[in-house]
Amino acid sequence: MKVDVALIDRLSNLAKLRFEQDEKEDLAGKLESIIGFVDKLQEVPVQGIEPLIHMGDAVNVWRDDAVHMEITKEEALKNAPLADSDYFKVPKVLKKK
């Protein structure tokens, strides 16, 4: 693929970006090298290689989902700015119409 200033103009228009002429020429060179790298990847033989699903061999280790009382209600409510017996009090967020 040939990358020139016209292509950079089209891409910058689509991306709603503005570049100076010297920046366009610099971007054209960088974009051409990126496309060259991707073309180089096309040469890698991948026939017979399964797609990678997971990066490692680790398997999820699930723990039992058990309820533990780590903190009492009184301890939790002790640090609350506003509390009402068993509940935290918070400012009203939604207004009735």
Protein backbone atom coordinates (compact mmCIF):
# COMPACT_ATOMS: atom_id res chain seq x y z
CA MET A 1 0.00 0.00 0.00
CA LYS A 2 1.36 3.38 -0.98
CA VAL A 3 1.06 5.97 1.77
CA ASP A 4 1.14 9.53 0.52
CA VAL A 5 -0.05 12.94 1.65
CA ALA A 6 -3.44 12.38 -0.04
CA LEU A 7 -4.05 9.31 2.12
CA ILE A 8 -2.99 11.23 5.23
CA ASP A 9 -5.44 14.00 4.23
CA ARG A 10 -8.28 11.46 3.90
CA LEU A 11 -7.45 9.77 7.20
CA SER A 12 -7.05 13.06 9.05
CA ASN A 13 -10.41 14.21 7.68
CA LEU A 14 -12.07 11.02 8.93
CA ALA A 15 -10.38 11.39 12.33
CA LYS A 16 -11.19 15.12 12.46
CA LEU A 17 -7.50 15.99 12.89
CA ARG A 18 -5.41 18.75 11.36
CA PHE A 19 -1.73 18.46 10.49
CA GLU A 20 0.83 20.81 9.00
CA GLN A 21 2.50 19.78 5.74
CA ASP A 22 5.74 18.65 7.40
CA GLU A 23 3.74 16.62 9.95
CA LYS A 24 1.81 14.95 7.11
CA GLU A 25 5.04 13.87 5.44
CA ASP A 26 6.39 12.55 8.74
CA LEU A 27 3.13 10.67 9.41
CA ALA A 28 3.21 9.20 5.91
CA GLY A 29 6.66 7.77 6.56
CA LYS A 30 5.67 6.36 9.95
CA LEU A 31 2.44 4.87 8.61
CA GLU A 32 4.30 3.27 5.73
CA SER A 33 6.75 1.63 8.16
CA ILE A 34 3.83 0.32 10.27
CA ILE A 35 2.17 -1.15 7.19
CA GLY A 36 5.51 -2.66 6.18
CA PHE A 37 5.75 -4.33 9.59
CA VAL A 38 2.23 -5.77 9.21
CA ASP A 39 3.12 -7.00 5.71
CA LYS A 40 6.19 -8.68 7.21
CA LEU A 41 3.92 -10.50 9.67
CA GLN A 42 1.99 -11.93 6.71
CA GLU A 43 5.12 -13.92 5.81
CA VAL A 44 5.12 -15.86 9.09
CA PRO A 45 4.01 -19.48 8.49
CA VAL A 46 1.03 -20.18 10.75
CA GLN A 47 -0.51 -23.22 9.05
CA GLY A 48 -1.41 -25.88 11.59
CA ILE A 49 -1.05 -23.60 14.61
CA GLU A 50 -4.07 -23.46 16.87
CA PRO A 51 -5.41 -20.03 17.85
CA LEU A 52 -4.27 -18.84 21.26
CA ILE A 53 -7.12 -18.73 23.73
CA HIS A 54 -5.25 -18.20 27.01
CA MET A 55 -1.83 -16.67 27.62
CA GLY A 56 -0.83 -19.16 30.27
CA ASP A 57 -1.57 -22.63 31.55
CA ALA A 58 -3.06 -21.32 34.80
CA VAL A 59 -6.51 -22.58 35.67
CA ASN A 60 -8.97 -20.70 37.83
CA VAL A 61 -8.78 -21.81 41.42
CA TRP A 62 -12.16 -21.19 42.93
CA ARG A 63 -12.67 -20.90 46.65
CA ASP A 64 -15.82 -21.89 48.45
CA ASP A 65 -18.33 -19.07 48.60
CA ALA A 66 -18.93 -18.98 52.33
CA VAL A 67 -20.44 -16.16 54.36
CA HIS A 68 -18.16 -14.89 57.10
CA MET A 69 -19.02 -12.16 59.55
CA GLU A 70 -15.81 -10.15 59.27
CA ILE A 71 -17.16 -6.96 60.83
CA THR A 72 -20.17 -6.35 63.04
CA LYS A 73 -22.90 -3.87 62.17
CA GLU A 74 -21.88 -1.71 65.08
CA GLU A 75 -18.25 -1.56 63.88
CA ALA A 76 -19.33 -0.69 60.34
CA LEU A 77 -21.76 2.01 61.45
CA LYS A 78 -19.30 3.46 63.96
CA ASN A 79 -17.35 5.24 61.20
CA ALA A 80 -20.38 6.32 59.20
CA PRO A 81 -21.01 10.09 59.02
CA LEU A 82 -24.74 9.43 59.29
CA ALA A 83 -26.38 6.25 60.52
CA ASP A 84 -29.85 5.20 61.61
CA SER A 85 -29.92 2.11 63.85
CA ASP A 86 -28.95 -0.62 61.35
CA TYR A 87 -28.46 1.45 58.17
CA PHE A 88 -26.15 4.00 56.61
CA LYS A 89 -27.88 7.28 55.84
CA VAL A 90 -26.91 8.91 52.55
CA PRO A 91 -28.10 12.09 50.85
CA LYS A 92 -31.04 11.76 48.51
CA VAL A 93 -29.89 11.24 44.91
CA LEU A 94 -33.12 10.80 42.97
CA LYS A 95 -35.90 13.34 43.11
CA LYS A 96 -39.59 12.53 42.74
CA LYS A 97 -41.36 14.19 39.84
